[in-house]
Amino acid sequence: MFGMSFMNVLVLALFVVGGGLVALMVTITQRSYKQDEKSEFWVVYPTAKGEKPIEPAPER
């Protein structure tokens, strides 16, 4: 393959496969985060930016 040794091809293949796995994990994590954000148990904590304070969860 254009003068590349077997080891170089192997390293390149592992690099591409590893990058694909990282991209897959990031995608799964982002989707999971968005689902959690829609949950009734999601809490938004106030920050120094001045968002409104946390309201207590309604009693059941």
PDB file of N, CA and C in Angstrom:
ATOM      1  N   MET A   1       0.848  -1.191   0.000  1.00  0.00           N
ATOM      2  CA  MET A   1       0.000   0.000   0.000  1.00  0.00           C
ATOM      3  C   MET A   1       0.884   1.241   0.000  1.00  0.00           C
ATOM      4  N   PHE A   2       1.297   1.671  -1.135  1.00  0.00           N
ATOM      5  CA  PHE A   2       2.105   2.867  -1.306  1.00  0.00           C
ATOM      6  C   PHE A   2       3.368   2.841  -0.446  1.00  0.00           C
ATOM      7  N   GLY A   3       3.970   1.691  -0.312  1.00  0.00           N
ATOM      8  CA  GLY A   3       5.223   1.576   0.417  1.00  0.00           C
ATOM      9  C   GLY A   3       5.079   1.589   1.924  1.00  0.00           C
ATOM     10  N   MET A   4       3.856   1.442   2.458  1.00  0.00           N
ATOM     11  CA  MET A   4       3.661   1.452   3.912  1.00  0.00           C
ATOM     12  C   MET A   4       3.855   0.038   4.454  1.00  0.00           C
ATOM     13  N   SER A   5       4.473  -0.058   5.577  1.00  0.00           N
ATOM     14  CA  SER A   5       4.673  -1.377   6.178  1.00  0.00           C
ATOM     15  C   SER A   5       3.363  -1.838   6.828  1.00  0.00           C
ATOM     16  N   PHE A   6       3.306  -3.126   7.116  1.00  0.00           N
ATOM     17  CA  PHE A   6       2.118  -3.697   7.767  1.00  0.00           C
ATOM     18  C   PHE A   6       1.843  -3.017   9.103  1.00  0.00           C
ATOM     19  N   MET A   7       2.888  -2.693   9.846  1.00  0.00           N
ATOM     20  CA  MET A   7       2.708  -2.067  11.161  1.00  0.00           C
ATOM     21  C   MET A   7       2.077  -0.688  11.023  1.00  0.00           C
ATOM     22  N   ASN A   8       2.497   0.080  10.000  1.00  0.00           N
ATOM     23  CA  ASN A   8       1.904   1.403   9.793  1.00  0.00           C
ATOM     24  C   ASN A   8       0.427   1.301   9.433  1.00  0.00           C
ATOM     25  N   VAL A   9       0.083   0.332   8.615  1.00  0.00           N
ATOM     26  CA  VAL A   9      -1.319   0.124   8.236  1.00  0.00           C
ATOM     27  C   VAL A   9      -2.132  -0.277   9.463  1.00  0.00           C
ATOM     28  N   LEU A  10      -1.569  -1.144  10.286  1.00  0.00           N
ATOM     29  CA  LEU A  10      -2.254  -1.587  11.493  1.00  0.00           C
ATOM     30  C   LEU A  10      -2.483  -0.423  12.454  1.00  0.00           C
ATOM     31  N   VAL A  11      -1.467   0.396  12.647  1.00  0.00           N
ATOM     32  CA  VAL A  11      -1.594   1.550  13.541  1.00  0.00           C
ATOM     33  C   VAL A  11      -2.640   2.524  13.014  1.00  0.00           C
ATOM     34  N   LEU A  12      -2.632   2.777  11.722  1.00  0.00           N
ATOM     35  CA  LEU A  12      -3.614   3.677  11.127  1.00  0.00           C
ATOM     36  C   LEU A  12      -5.028   3.127  11.285  1.00  0.00           C
ATOM     37  N   ALA A  13      -5.193   1.827  11.061  1.00  0.00           N
ATOM     38  CA  ALA A  13      -6.516   1.202  11.210  1.00  0.00           C
ATOM     39  C   ALA A  13      -7.000   1.300  12.654  1.00  0.00           C
ATOM     40  N   LEU A  14      -6.117   1.042  13.605  1.00  0.00           N
ATOM     41  CA  LEU A  14      -6.510   1.143  15.017  1.00  0.00           C
ATOM     42  C   LEU A  14      -6.860   2.580  15.396  1.00  0.00           C
ATOM     43  N   PHE A  15      -6.141   3.532  14.832  1.00  0.00           N
ATOM     44  CA  PHE A  15      -6.428   4.947  15.091  1.00  0.00           C
ATOM     45  C   PHE A  15      -7.818   5.316  14.580  1.00  0.00           C
ATOM     46  N   VAL A  16      -8.151   4.867  13.373  1.00  0.00           N
ATOM     47  CA  VAL A  16      -9.462   5.167  12.793  1.00  0.00           C
ATOM     48  C   VAL A  16     -10.577   4.485  13.594  1.00  0.00           C
ATOM     49  N   VAL A  17     -10.381   3.229  13.950  1.00  0.00           N
ATOM     50  CA  VAL A  17     -11.382   2.507  14.738  1.00  0.00           C
ATOM     51  C   VAL A  17     -11.549   3.159  16.108  1.00  0.00           C
ATOM     52  N   GLY A  18     -10.463   3.544  16.752  1.00  0.00           N
ATOM     53  CA  GLY A  18     -10.542   4.206  18.058  1.00  0.00           C
ATOM     54  C   GLY A  18     -11.266   5.534  17.967  1.00  0.00           C
ATOM     55  N   GLY A  19     -10.998   6.312  16.921  1.00  0.00           N
ATOM     56  CA  GLY A  19     -11.696   7.579  16.732  1.00  0.00           C
ATOM     57  C   GLY A  19     -13.183   7.368  16.529  1.00  0.00           C
ATOM     58  N   GLY A  20     -13.537   6.326  15.801  1.00  0.00           N
ATOM     59  CA  GLY A  20     -14.957   6.004  15.610  1.00  0.00           C
ATOM     60  C   GLY A  20     -15.637   5.627  16.908  1.00  0.00           C
ATOM     61  N   LEU A  21     -14.939   4.870  17.749  1.00  0.00           N
ATOM     62  CA  LEU A  21     -15.515   4.493  19.046  1.00  0.00           C
ATOM     63  C   LEU A  21     -15.708   5.708  19.945  1.00  0.00           C
ATOM     64  N   VAL A  22     -14.757   6.618  19.929  1.00  0.00           N
ATOM     65  CA  VAL A  22     -14.885   7.838  20.725  1.00  0.00           C
ATOM     66  C   VAL A  22     -16.084   8.652  20.242  1.00  0.00           C
ATOM     67  N   ALA A  23     -16.230   8.791  18.928  1.00  0.00           N
ATOM     68  CA  ALA A  23     -17.369   9.529  18.372  1.00  0.00           C
ATOM     69  C   ALA A  23     -18.690   8.872  18.767  1.00  0.00           C
ATOM     70  N   LEU A  24     -18.729   7.554  18.747  1.00  0.00           N
ATOM     71  CA  LEU A  24     -19.941   6.829  19.141  1.00  0.00           C
ATOM     72  C   LEU A  24     -20.265   7.064  20.616  1.00  0.00           C
ATOM     73  N   MET A  25     -19.255   7.004  21.476  1.00  0.00           N
ATOM     74  CA  MET A  25     -19.485   7.227  22.910  1.00  0.00           C
ATOM     75  C   MET A  25     -19.975   8.642  23.179  1.00  0.00           C
ATOM     76  N   VAL A  26     -19.411   9.626  22.480  1.00  0.00           N
ATOM     77  CA  VAL A  26     -19.847  11.017  22.668  1.00  0.00           C
ATOM     78  C   VAL A  26     -21.300  11.171  22.250  1.00  0.00           C
ATOM     79  N   THR A  27     -21.671  10.570  21.124  1.00  0.00           N
ATOM     80  CA  THR A  27     -23.052  10.655  20.640  1.00  0.00           C
ATOM     81  C   THR A  27     -24.017  10.024  21.633  1.00  0.00           C
ATOM     82  N   ILE A  28     -23.680   8.851  22.146  1.00  0.00           N
ATOM     83  CA  ILE A  28     -24.547   8.167  23.112  1.00  0.00           C
ATOM     84  C   ILE A  28     -24.673   9.000  24.385  1.00  0.00           C
ATOM     85  N   THR A  29     -23.561   9.573  24.852  1.00  0.00           N
ATOM     86  CA  THR A  29     -23.588  10.378  26.064  1.00  0.00           C
ATOM     87  C   THR A  29     -24.460  11.613  25.879  1.00  0.00           C
ATOM     88  N   GLN A  30     -24.355  12.283  24.736  1.00  0.00           N
ATOM     89  CA  GLN A  30     -25.162  13.476  24.493  1.00  0.00           C
ATOM     90  C   GLN A  30     -26.639  13.139  24.448  1.00  0.00           C
ATOM     91  N   ARG A  31     -26.996  12.039  23.800  1.00  0.00           N
ATOM     92  CA  ARG A  31     -28.415  11.650  23.741  1.00  0.00           C
ATOM     93  C   ARG A  31     -28.938  11.302  25.128  1.00  0.00           C
ATOM     94  N   SER A  32     -28.135  10.610  25.913  1.00  0.00           N
ATOM     95  CA  SER A  32     -28.531  10.256  27.270  1.00  0.00           C
ATOM     96  C   SER A  32     -28.721  11.515  28.115  1.00  0.00           C
ATOM     97  N   TYR A  33     -27.832  12.479  27.953  1.00  0.00           N
ATOM     98  CA  TYR A  33     -27.916  13.737  28.695  1.00  0.00           C
ATOM     99  C   TYR A  33     -29.209  14.471  28.343  1.00  0.00           C
ATOM    100  N   LYS A  34     -29.557  14.492  27.055  1.00  0.00           N
ATOM    101  CA  LYS A  34     -30.787  15.173  26.636  1.00  0.00           C
ATOM    102  C   LYS A  34     -32.015  14.473  27.198  1.00  0.00           C
ATOM    103  N   GLN A  35     -31.990  13.137  27.273  1.00  0.00           N
ATOM    104  CA  GLN A  35     -33.117  12.407  27.861  1.00  0.00           C
ATOM    105  C   GLN A  35     -33.216  12.703  29.351  1.00  0.00           C
ATOM    106  N   ASP A  36     -32.078  12.752  30.041  1.00  0.00           N
ATOM    107  CA  ASP A  36     -32.082  13.049  31.472  1.00  0.00           C
ATOM    108  C   ASP A  36     -32.618  14.456  31.735  1.00  0.00           C
ATOM    109  N   GLU A  37     -32.322  15.378  30.830  1.00  0.00           N
ATOM    110  CA  GLU A  37     -32.743  16.764  30.995  1.00  0.00           C
ATOM    111  C   GLU A  37     -34.264  16.881  30.975  1.00  0.00           C
ATOM    112  N   LYS A  38     -34.939  15.968  30.286  1.00  0.00           N
ATOM    113  CA  LYS A  38     -36.403  15.983  30.209  1.00  0.00           C
ATOM    114  C   LYS A  38     -37.043  15.264  31.396  1.00  0.00           C
ATOM    115  N   SER A  39     -36.251  14.639  32.231  1.00  0.00           N
ATOM    116  CA  SER A  39     -36.759  13.867  33.361  1.00  0.00           C
ATOM    117  C   SER A  39     -37.341  14.781  34.433  1.00  0.00           C
ATOM    118  N   GLU A  40     -38.301  14.265  35.177  1.00  0.00           N
ATOM    119  CA  GLU A  40     -38.902  15.043  36.266  1.00  0.00           C
ATOM    120  C   GLU A  40     -37.917  15.248  37.418  1.00  0.00           C
ATOM    121  N   PHE A  41     -36.834  14.481  37.449  1.00  0.00           N
ATOM    122  CA  PHE A  41     -35.865  14.592  38.536  1.00  0.00           C
ATOM    123  C   PHE A  41     -34.702  15.510  38.188  1.00  0.00           C
ATOM    124  N   TRP A  42     -34.708  16.115  36.999  1.00  0.00           N
ATOM    125  CA  TRP A  42     -33.625  16.997  36.562  1.00  0.00           C
ATOM    126  C   TRP A  42     -33.662  18.274  37.392  1.00  0.00           C
ATOM    127  N   VAL A  43     -32.510  18.668  37.940  1.00  0.00           N
ATOM    128  CA  VAL A  43     -32.422  19.870  38.764  1.00  0.00           C
ATOM    129  C   VAL A  43     -31.431  20.833  38.128  1.00  0.00           C
ATOM    130  N   VAL A  44     -31.847  22.085  37.984  1.00  0.00           N
ATOM    131  CA  VAL A  44     -30.945  23.109  37.470  1.00  0.00           C
ATOM    132  C   VAL A  44     -30.478  23.929  38.659  1.00  0.00           C
ATOM    133  N   TYR A  45     -29.195  23.858  38.937  1.00  0.00           N
ATOM    134  CA  TYR A  45     -28.648  24.588  40.076  1.00  0.00           C
ATOM    135  C   TYR A  45     -28.333  26.023  39.680  1.00  0.00           C
ATOM    136  N   PRO A  46     -28.557  26.980  40.578  1.00  0.00           N
ATOM    137  CA  PRO A  46     -28.245  28.371  40.248  1.00  0.00           C
ATOM    138  C   PRO A  46     -26.728  28.567  40.139  1.00  0.00           C
ATOM    139  N   THR A  47     -26.339  29.518  39.339  1.00  0.00           N
ATOM    140  CA  THR A  47     -24.917  29.788  39.162  1.00  0.00           C
ATOM    141  C   THR A  47     -24.652  31.247  39.461  1.00  0.00           C
ATOM    142  N   ALA A  48     -23.428  31.649  39.289  1.00  0.00           N
ATOM    143  CA  ALA A  48     -23.057  33.041  39.547  1.00  0.00           C
ATOM    144  C   ALA A  48     -23.619  33.976  38.483  1.00  0.00           C
ATOM    145  N   LYS A  49     -24.216  33.436  37.424  1.00  0.00           N
ATOM    146  CA  LYS A  49     -24.751  34.269  36.353  1.00  0.00           C
ATOM    147  C   LYS A  49     -26.077  34.923  36.744  1.00  0.00           C
ATOM    148  N   GLY A  50     -26.671  34.518  37.860  1.00  0.00           N
ATOM    149  CA  GLY A  50     -27.897  35.156  38.334  1.00  0.00           C
ATOM    150  C   GLY A  50     -29.174  34.455  37.918  1.00  0.00           C
ATOM    151  N   GLU A  51     -29.125  33.169  37.630  1.00  0.00           N
ATOM    152  CA  GLU A  51     -30.368  32.459  37.338  1.00  0.00           C
ATOM    153  C   GLU A  51     -31.224  32.404  38.595  1.00  0.00           C
ATOM    154  N   LYS A  52     -32.498  32.112  38.386  1.00  0.00           N
ATOM    155  CA  LYS A  52     -33.402  32.072  39.533  1.00  0.00           C
ATOM    156  C   LYS A  52     -33.027  30.903  40.456  1.00  0.00           C
ATOM    157  N   PRO A  53     -33.304  31.027  41.740  1.00  0.00           N
ATOM    158  CA  PRO A  53     -32.959  29.944  42.681  1.00  0.00           C
ATOM    159  C   PRO A  53     -33.795  28.693  42.430  1.00  0.00           C
ATOM    160  N   ILE A  54     -33.314  27.592  42.978  1.00  0.00           N
ATOM    161  CA  ILE A  54     -33.992  26.312  42.828  1.00  0.00           C
ATOM    162  C   ILE A  54     -35.287  26.339  43.621  1.00  0.00           C
ATOM    163  N   GLU A  55     -36.354  25.825  42.998  1.00  0.00           N
ATOM    164  CA  GLU A  55     -37.612  25.681  43.711  1.00  0.00           C
ATOM    165  C   GLU A  55     -37.675  24.259  44.244  1.00  0.00           C
ATOM    166  N   PRO A  56     -38.188  24.086  45.452  1.00  0.00           N
ATOM    167  CA  PRO A  56     -38.271  22.715  45.989  1.00  0.00           C
ATOM    168  C   PRO A  56     -39.210  21.848  45.151  1.00  0.00           C
ATOM    169  N   ALA A  57     -38.920  20.561  45.117  1.00  0.00           N
ATOM    170  CA  ALA A  57     -39.763  19.629  44.369  1.00  0.00           C
ATOM    171  C   ALA A  57     -41.140  19.577  45.010  1.00  0.00           C
ATOM    172  N   PRO A  58     -42.184  19.452  44.196  1.00  0.00           N
ATOM    173  CA  PRO A  58     -43.535  19.390  44.764  1.00  0.00           C
ATOM    174  C   PRO A  58     -43.717  18.117  45.576  1.00  0.00           C
ATOM    175  N   GLU A  59     -44.475  18.237  46.650  1.00  0.00           N
ATOM    176  CA  GLU A  59     -44.745  17.070  47.515  1.00  0.00           C
ATOM    177  C   GLU A  59     -45.680  16.113  46.779  1.00  0.00           C
ATOM    178  N   ARG A  60     -45.454  14.812  46.983  1.00  0.00           N
ATOM    179  CA  ARG A  60     -46.318  13.818  46.343  1.00  0.00           C
ATOM    180  C   ARG A  60     -47.241  13.214  47.355  1.00  0.00           C
TER     181      ARG A  60
END
